[in-house]
Amino acid sequence: MSDGRCAEVGTVGTEGVIGVHVMYGFAVMPCE
């Protein structure tokens, strides 16, 4: 958040990939 607070929205392990958002036209990461 803009005030620095944060929370997890998803977890990625061996089943997944980081950066999959590019599949749908997102050029930047929407989260950390």
PDB file of all heavy atoms in Angstrom:
ATOM      1  N   MET A   1       0.835  -1.203   0.000  1.00  0.00           N
ATOM      2  CA  MET A   1       0.000   0.000   0.000  1.00  0.00           C
ATOM      3  C   MET A   1       0.873   1.259   0.000  1.00  0.00           C
ATOM      4  O   MET A   1       2.078   1.206   0.241  1.00  0.00           O
ATOM      5  CB  MET A   1      -0.917   0.009   1.225  1.00  0.00           C
ATOM      6  CG  MET A   1      -1.827  -1.207   1.340  1.00  0.00           C
ATOM      7  SD  MET A   1      -3.044  -1.309   0.014  1.00  0.00           S
ATOM      8  CE  MET A   1      -2.374  -2.648  -0.977  1.00  0.00           C
ATOM      9  N   SER A   2       0.252   2.403  -0.257  1.00  0.00           N
ATOM     10  CA  SER A   2       1.002   3.664  -0.323  1.00  0.00           C
ATOM     11  C   SER A   2       1.620   4.041   1.021  1.00  0.00           C
ATOM     12  O   SER A   2       2.607   4.772   1.069  1.00  0.00           O
ATOM     13  CB  SER A   2       0.084   4.790  -0.810  1.00  0.00           C
ATOM     14  OG  SER A   2      -1.034   4.936   0.059  1.00  0.00           O
ATOM     15  N   ASP A   3       1.038   3.546   2.138  1.00  0.00           N
ATOM     16  CA  ASP A   3       1.582   3.861   3.462  1.00  0.00           C
ATOM     17  C   ASP A   3       2.634   2.850   3.919  1.00  0.00           C
ATOM     18  O   ASP A   3       3.108   2.905   5.056  1.00  0.00           O
ATOM     19  CB  ASP A   3       0.456   3.965   4.494  1.00  0.00           C
ATOM     20  CG  ASP A   3      -0.325   2.663   4.659  1.00  0.00           C
ATOM     21  OD1 ASP A   3       0.037   1.659   3.999  1.00  0.00           O
ATOM     22  OD2 ASP A   3      -1.299   2.644   5.429  1.00  0.00           O
ATOM     23  N   GLY A   4       2.984   1.913   3.042  1.00  0.00           N
ATOM     24  CA  GLY A   4       4.022   0.941   3.368  1.00  0.00           C
ATOM     25  C   GLY A   4       3.512  -0.375   3.906  1.00  0.00           C
ATOM     26  O   GLY A   4       4.264  -1.353   3.977  1.00  0.00           O
ATOM     27  N   ARG A   5       2.250  -0.439   4.299  1.00  0.00           N
ATOM     28  CA  ARG A   5       1.706  -1.709   4.775  1.00  0.00           C
ATOM     29  C   ARG A   5       1.584  -2.690   3.614  1.00  0.00           C
ATOM     30  O   ARG A   5       1.394  -2.285   2.469  1.00  0.00           O
ATOM     31  CB  ARG A   5       0.337  -1.501   5.425  1.00  0.00           C
ATOM     32  CG  ARG A   5       0.393  -0.733   6.749  1.00  0.00           C
ATOM     33  CD  ARG A   5      -0.981  -0.619   7.360  1.00  0.00           C
ATOM     34  NE  ARG A   5      -1.906   0.111   6.476  1.00  0.00           N
ATOM     35  CZ  ARG A   5      -3.222   0.150   6.643  1.00  0.00           C
ATOM     36  NH1 ARG A   5      -3.784  -0.504   7.643  1.00  0.00           N
ATOM     37  NH2 ARG A   5      -3.972   0.854   5.803  1.00  0.00           N
ATOM     38  N   CYS A   6       1.700  -3.976   3.928  1.00  0.00           N
ATOM     39  CA  CYS A   6       1.670  -4.963   2.859  1.00  0.00           C
ATOM     40  C   CYS A   6       1.055  -6.264   3.349  1.00  0.00           C
ATOM     41  O   CYS A   6       0.971  -6.526   4.556  1.00  0.00           O
ATOM     42  CB  CYS A   6       3.072  -5.204   2.311  1.00  0.00           C
ATOM     43  SG  CYS A   6       4.292  -5.673   3.548  1.00  0.00           S
ATOM     44  N   ALA A   7       0.626  -7.071   2.398  1.00  0.00           N
ATOM     45  CA  ALA A   7       0.066  -8.383   2.697  1.00  0.00           C
ATOM     46  C   ALA A   7       0.275  -9.290   1.498  1.00  0.00           C
ATOM     47  O   ALA A   7       0.298  -8.829   0.353  1.00  0.00           O
ATOM     48  CB  ALA A   7      -1.419  -8.282   3.039  1.00  0.00           C
ATOM     49  N   GLU A   8       0.409 -10.578   1.773  1.00  0.00           N
ATOM     50  CA  GLU A   8       0.588 -11.549   0.701  1.00  0.00           C
ATOM     51  C   GLU A   8      -0.732 -11.781  -0.021  1.00  0.00           C
ATOM     52  O   GLU A   8      -1.793 -11.902   0.604  1.00  0.00           O
ATOM     53  CB  GLU A   8       1.098 -12.867   1.276  1.00  0.00           C
ATOM     54  CG  GLU A   8       1.410 -13.913   0.207  1.00  0.00           C
ATOM     55  CD  GLU A   8       1.788 -15.246   0.810  1.00  0.00           C
ATOM     56  OE1 GLU A   8       0.912 -15.898   1.412  1.00  0.00           O
ATOM     57  OE2 GLU A   8       2.955 -15.642   0.677  1.00  0.00           O
ATOM     58  N   VAL A   9      -0.665 -11.860  -1.347  1.00  0.00           N
ATOM     59  CA  VAL A   9      -1.860 -12.152  -2.141  1.00  0.00           C
ATOM     60  C   VAL A   9      -1.738 -13.482  -2.884  1.00  0.00           C
ATOM     61  O   VAL A   9      -2.726 -13.987  -3.418  1.00  0.00           O
ATOM     62  CB  VAL A   9      -2.153 -11.018  -3.150  1.00  0.00           C
ATOM     63  CG1 VAL A   9      -2.496  -9.737  -2.418  1.00  0.00           C
ATOM     64  CG2 VAL A   9      -0.974 -10.794  -4.093  1.00  0.00           C
ATOM     65  N   GLY A  10      -0.538 -14.047  -2.939  1.00  0.00           N
ATOM     66  CA  GLY A  10      -0.352 -15.317  -3.618  1.00  0.00           C
ATOM     67  C   GLY A  10       0.988 -15.932  -3.270  1.00  0.00           C
ATOM     68  O   GLY A  10       1.898 -15.240  -2.789  1.00  0.00           O
ATOM     69  N   THR A  11       1.110 -17.243  -3.501  1.00  0.00           N
ATOM     70  CA  THR A  11       2.340 -17.977  -3.219  1.00  0.00           C
ATOM     71  C   THR A  11       2.723 -18.787  -4.448  1.00  0.00           C
ATOM     72  O   THR A  11       1.867 -19.409  -5.075  1.00  0.00           O
ATOM     73  CB  THR A  11       2.152 -18.928  -2.023  1.00  0.00           C
ATOM     74  OG1 THR A  11       1.650 -18.201  -0.906  1.00  0.00           O
ATOM     75  CG2 THR A  11       3.464 -19.574  -1.630  1.00  0.00           C
ATOM     76  N   VAL A  12       4.009 -18.782  -4.784  1.00  0.00           N
ATOM     77  CA  VAL A  12       4.487 -19.496  -5.966  1.00  0.00           C
ATOM     78  C   VAL A  12       5.590 -20.469  -5.554  1.00  0.00           C
ATOM     79  O   VAL A  12       6.530 -20.084  -4.859  1.00  0.00           O
ATOM     80  CB  VAL A  12       5.035 -18.520  -7.025  1.00  0.00           C
ATOM     81  CG1 VAL A  12       5.491 -19.285  -8.261  1.00  0.00           C
ATOM     82  CG2 VAL A  12       3.988 -17.474  -7.398  1.00  0.00           C
ATOM     83  N   GLY A  13       5.436 -21.707  -5.984  1.00  0.00           N
ATOM     84  CA  GLY A  13       6.460 -22.715  -5.734  1.00  0.00           C
ATOM     85  C   GLY A  13       6.905 -23.344  -7.041  1.00  0.00           C
ATOM     86  O   GLY A  13       6.892 -22.704  -8.094  1.00  0.00           O
ATOM     87  N   THR A  14       7.224 -24.627  -6.989  1.00  0.00           N
ATOM     88  CA  THR A  14       7.727 -25.308  -8.180  1.00  0.00           C
ATOM     89  C   THR A  14       6.661 -25.470  -9.250  1.00  0.00           C
ATOM     90  O   THR A  14       6.977 -25.786 -10.404  1.00  0.00           O
ATOM     91  CB  THR A  14       8.277 -26.697  -7.814  1.00  0.00           C
ATOM     92  OG1 THR A  14       7.238 -27.466  -7.171  1.00  0.00           O
ATOM     93  CG2 THR A  14       9.452 -26.571  -6.861  1.00  0.00           C
ATOM     94  N   GLU A  15       5.395 -25.267  -8.879  1.00  0.00           N
ATOM     95  CA  GLU A  15       4.322 -25.400  -9.869  1.00  0.00           C
ATOM     96  C   GLU A  15       4.164 -24.163 -10.748  1.00  0.00           C
ATOM     97  O   GLU A  15       3.454 -24.198 -11.757  1.00  0.00           O
ATOM     98  CB  GLU A  15       2.985 -25.661  -9.143  1.00  0.00           C
ATOM     99  CG  GLU A  15       2.284 -24.422  -8.584  1.00  0.00           C
ATOM    100  CD  GLU A  15       3.051 -23.676  -7.489  1.00  0.00           C
ATOM    101  OE1 GLU A  15       3.851 -24.301  -6.778  1.00  0.00           O
ATOM    102  OE2 GLU A  15       2.828 -22.468  -7.346  1.00  0.00           O
ATOM    103  N   GLY A  16       4.832 -23.058 -10.375  1.00  0.00           N
ATOM    104  CA  GLY A  16       4.498 -21.795 -11.011  1.00  0.00           C
ATOM    105  C   GLY A  16       5.651 -21.033 -11.634  1.00  0.00           C
ATOM    106  O   GLY A  16       6.741 -21.562 -11.861  1.00  0.00           O
ATOM    107  N   VAL A  17       5.380 -19.764 -11.907  1.00  0.00           N
ATOM    108  CA  VAL A  17       6.347 -18.890 -12.570  1.00  0.00           C
ATOM    109  C   VAL A  17       6.121 -17.466 -12.104  1.00  0.00           C
ATOM    110  O   VAL A  17       4.983 -17.047 -11.883  1.00  0.00           O
ATOM    111  CB  VAL A  17       6.221 -18.989 -14.108  1.00  0.00           C
ATOM    112  CG1 VAL A  17       4.801 -18.713 -14.568  1.00  0.00           C
ATOM    113  CG2 VAL A  17       7.187 -18.065 -14.809  1.00  0.00           C
ATOM    114  N   ILE A  18       7.208 -16.731 -11.931  1.00  0.00           N
ATOM    115  CA  ILE A  18       7.151 -15.322 -11.579  1.00  0.00           C
ATOM    116  C   ILE A  18       7.259 -14.499 -12.860  1.00  0.00           C
ATOM    117  O   ILE A  18       8.200 -14.671 -13.635  1.00  0.00           O
ATOM    118  CB  ILE A  18       8.304 -14.930 -10.629  1.00  0.00           C
ATOM    119  CG1 ILE A  18       8.355 -15.874  -9.421  1.00  0.00           C
ATOM    120  CG2 ILE A  18       8.157 -13.490 -10.190  1.00  0.00           C
ATOM    121  CD1 ILE A  18       7.118 -15.896  -8.594  1.00  0.00           C
ATOM    122  N   GLY A  19       6.290 -13.615 -13.076  1.00  0.00           N
ATOM    123  CA  GLY A  19       6.298 -12.770 -14.264  1.00  0.00           C
ATOM    124  C   GLY A  19       5.283 -13.185 -15.300  1.00  0.00           C
ATOM    125  O   GLY A  19       5.284 -12.674 -16.422  1.00  0.00           O
ATOM    126  N   VAL A  20       4.381 -14.099 -14.936  1.00  0.00           N
ATOM    127  CA  VAL A  20       3.384 -14.614 -15.880  1.00  0.00           C
ATOM    128  C   VAL A  20       2.444 -13.513 -16.368  1.00  0.00           C
ATOM    129  O   VAL A  20       1.775 -13.662 -17.400  1.00  0.00           O
ATOM    130  CB  VAL A  20       2.576 -15.765 -15.235  1.00  0.00           C
ATOM    131  CG1 VAL A  20       1.637 -15.238 -14.171  1.00  0.00           C
ATOM    132  CG2 VAL A  20       1.816 -16.561 -16.290  1.00  0.00           C
ATOM    133  N   HIS A  21       2.418 -12.370 -15.686  1.00  0.00           N
ATOM    134  CA  HIS A  21       1.534 -11.260 -16.065  1.00  0.00           C
ATOM    135  C   HIS A  21       1.798 -10.763 -17.482  1.00  0.00           C
ATOM    136  O   HIS A  21       0.913 -10.173 -18.113  1.00  0.00           O
ATOM    137  CB  HIS A  21       1.699 -10.098 -15.069  1.00  0.00           C
ATOM    138  CG  HIS A  21       1.583 -10.519 -13.635  1.00  0.00           C
ATOM    139  ND1 HIS A  21       2.648 -11.054 -12.936  1.00  0.00           N
ATOM    140  CD2 HIS A  21       0.541 -10.494 -12.770  1.00  0.00           C
ATOM    141  CE1 HIS A  21       2.260 -11.338 -11.708  1.00  0.00           C
ATOM    142  NE2 HIS A  21       0.992 -11.011 -11.567  1.00  0.00           N
ATOM    143  N   VAL A  22       3.019 -10.984 -17.992  1.00  0.00           N
ATOM    144  CA  VAL A  22       3.329 -10.504 -19.351  1.00  0.00           C
ATOM    145  C   VAL A  22       2.456 -11.192 -20.400  1.00  0.00           C
ATOM    146  O   VAL A  22       2.287 -10.673 -21.510  1.00  0.00           O
ATOM    147  CB  VAL A  22       4.821 -10.700 -19.704  1.00  0.00           C
ATOM    148  CG1 VAL A  22       5.708  -9.878 -18.797  1.00  0.00           C
ATOM    149  CG2 VAL A  22       5.206 -12.175 -19.666  1.00  0.00           C
ATOM    150  N   MET A  23       1.889 -12.354 -20.049  1.00  0.00           N
ATOM    151  CA  MET A  23       1.007 -13.050 -20.983  1.00  0.00           C
ATOM    152  C   MET A  23      -0.181 -12.194 -21.384  1.00  0.00           C
ATOM    153  O   MET A  23      -0.765 -12.364 -22.452  1.00  0.00           O
ATOM    154  CB  MET A  23       0.495 -14.351 -20.356  1.00  0.00           C
ATOM    155  CG  MET A  23       1.513 -15.460 -20.267  1.00  0.00           C
ATOM    156  SD  MET A  23       1.897 -16.213 -21.863  1.00  0.00           S
ATOM    157  CE  MET A  23       0.320 -16.896 -22.314  1.00  0.00           C
ATOM    158  N   TYR A  24      -0.559 -11.261 -20.507  1.00  0.00           N
ATOM    159  CA  TYR A  24      -1.783 -10.489 -20.723  1.00  0.00           C
ATOM    160  C   TYR A  24      -1.499  -9.001 -20.887  1.00  0.00           C
ATOM    161  O   TYR A  24      -2.346  -8.164 -20.609  1.00  0.00           O
ATOM    162  CB  TYR A  24      -2.747 -10.746 -19.556  1.00  0.00           C
ATOM    163  CG  TYR A  24      -2.982 -12.221 -19.386  1.00  0.00           C
ATOM    164  CD1 TYR A  24      -2.299 -12.946 -18.407  1.00  0.00           C
ATOM    165  CD2 TYR A  24      -3.822 -12.916 -20.245  1.00  0.00           C
ATOM    166  CE1 TYR A  24      -2.473 -14.310 -18.285  1.00  0.00           C
ATOM    167  CE2 TYR A  24      -3.997 -14.283 -20.123  1.00  0.00           C
ATOM    168  CZ  TYR A  24      -3.330 -14.977 -19.147  1.00  0.00           C
ATOM    169  OH  TYR A  24      -3.484 -16.329 -19.028  1.00  0.00           O
ATOM    170  N   GLY A  25      -0.293  -8.684 -21.336  1.00  0.00           N
ATOM    171  CA  GLY A  25       0.026  -7.309 -21.682  1.00  0.00           C
ATOM    172  C   GLY A  25       0.552  -6.444 -20.562  1.00  0.00           C
ATOM    173  O   GLY A  25       0.716  -5.237 -20.750  1.00  0.00           O
ATOM    174  N   PHE A  26       0.834  -7.021 -19.383  1.00  0.00           N
ATOM    175  CA  PHE A  26       1.371  -6.234 -18.277  1.00  0.00           C
ATOM    176  C   PHE A  26       2.891  -6.162 -18.403  1.00  0.00           C
ATOM    177  O   PHE A  26       3.577  -7.183 -18.297  1.00  0.00           O
ATOM    178  CB  PHE A  26       0.991  -6.837 -16.924  1.00  0.00           C
ATOM    179  CG  PHE A  26      -0.452  -6.644 -16.565  1.00  0.00           C
ATOM    180  CD1 PHE A  26      -1.391  -7.622 -16.850  1.00  0.00           C
ATOM    181  CD2 PHE A  26      -0.876  -5.469 -15.978  1.00  0.00           C
ATOM    182  CE1 PHE A  26      -2.719  -7.458 -16.540  1.00  0.00           C
ATOM    183  CE2 PHE A  26      -2.203  -5.289 -15.657  1.00  0.00           C
ATOM    184  CZ  PHE A  26      -3.138  -6.276 -15.937  1.00  0.00           C
ATOM    185  N   ALA A  27       3.416  -4.968 -18.601  1.00  0.00           N
ATOM    186  CA  ALA A  27       4.860  -4.806 -18.777  1.00  0.00           C
ATOM    187  C   ALA A  27       5.587  -4.643 -17.455  1.00  0.00           C
ATOM    188  O   ALA A  27       6.812  -4.726 -17.400  1.00  0.00           O
ATOM    189  CB  ALA A  27       5.149  -3.602 -19.671  1.00  0.00           C
ATOM    190  N   VAL A  28       4.843  -4.377 -16.366  1.00  0.00           N
ATOM    191  CA  VAL A  28       5.455  -4.186 -15.052  1.00  0.00           C
ATOM    192  C   VAL A  28       4.797  -5.119 -14.047  1.00  0.00           C
ATOM    193  O   VAL A  28       3.668  -5.579 -14.245  1.00  0.00           O
ATOM    194  CB  VAL A  28       5.321  -2.718 -14.574  1.00  0.00           C
ATOM    195  CG1 VAL A  28       6.012  -1.770 -15.538  1.00  0.00           C
ATOM    196  CG2 VAL A  28       3.863  -2.326 -14.400  1.00  0.00           C
ATOM    197  N   MET A  29       5.505  -5.390 -12.964  1.00  0.00           N
ATOM    198  CA  MET A  29       4.966  -6.257 -11.912  1.00  0.00           C
ATOM    199  C   MET A  29       3.926  -5.496 -11.097  1.00  0.00           C
ATOM    200  O   MET A  29       4.198  -4.391 -10.606  1.00  0.00           O
ATOM    201  CB  MET A  29       6.083  -6.735 -10.993  1.00  0.00           C
ATOM    202  CG  MET A  29       6.861  -7.912 -11.545  1.00  0.00           C
ATOM    203  SD  MET A  29       5.881  -9.439 -11.658  1.00  0.00           S
ATOM    204  CE  MET A  29       5.647  -9.843  -9.929  1.00  0.00           C
ATOM    205  N   PRO A  30       2.733  -6.067 -10.916  1.00  0.00           N
ATOM    206  CA  PRO A  30       1.699  -5.400 -10.128  1.00  0.00           C
ATOM    207  C   PRO A  30       1.888  -5.571  -8.628  1.00  0.00           C
ATOM    208  O   PRO A  30       1.135  -5.015  -7.831  1.00  0.00           O
ATOM    209  CB  PRO A  30       0.414  -6.093 -10.600  1.00  0.00           C
ATOM    210  CG  PRO A  30       0.871  -7.470 -10.963  1.00  0.00           C
ATOM    211  CD  PRO A  30       2.255  -7.311 -11.525  1.00  0.00           C
ATOM    212  N   CYS A  31       2.897  -6.355  -8.228  1.00  0.00           N
ATOM    213  CA  CYS A  31       3.153  -6.615  -6.810  1.00  0.00           C
ATOM    214  C   CYS A  31       4.624  -6.949  -6.640  1.00  0.00           C
ATOM    215  O   CYS A  31       5.370  -7.030  -7.617  1.00  0.00           O
ATOM    216  CB  CYS A  31       2.283  -7.775  -6.316  1.00  0.00           C
ATOM    217  SG  CYS A  31       2.552  -9.303  -7.253  1.00  0.00           S
ATOM    218  N   GLU A  32       5.047  -7.104  -5.389  1.00  0.00           N
ATOM    219  CA  GLU A  32       6.422  -7.530  -5.131  1.00  0.00           C
ATOM    220  C   GLU A  32       6.511  -9.051  -5.196  1.00  0.00           C
ATOM    221  O   GLU A  32       5.549  -9.753  -4.856  1.00  0.00           O
ATOM    222  CB  GLU A  32       6.893  -7.037  -3.762  1.00  0.00           C
ATOM    223  CG  GLU A  32       7.088  -5.533  -3.695  1.00  0.00           C
ATOM    224  CD  GLU A  32       7.766  -5.075  -2.421  1.00  0.00           C
ATOM    225  OE1 GLU A  32       7.823  -5.860  -1.454  1.00  0.00           O
ATOM    226  OE2 GLU A  32       8.235  -3.919  -2.393  1.00  0.00           O
TER     227      GLU A  32
END
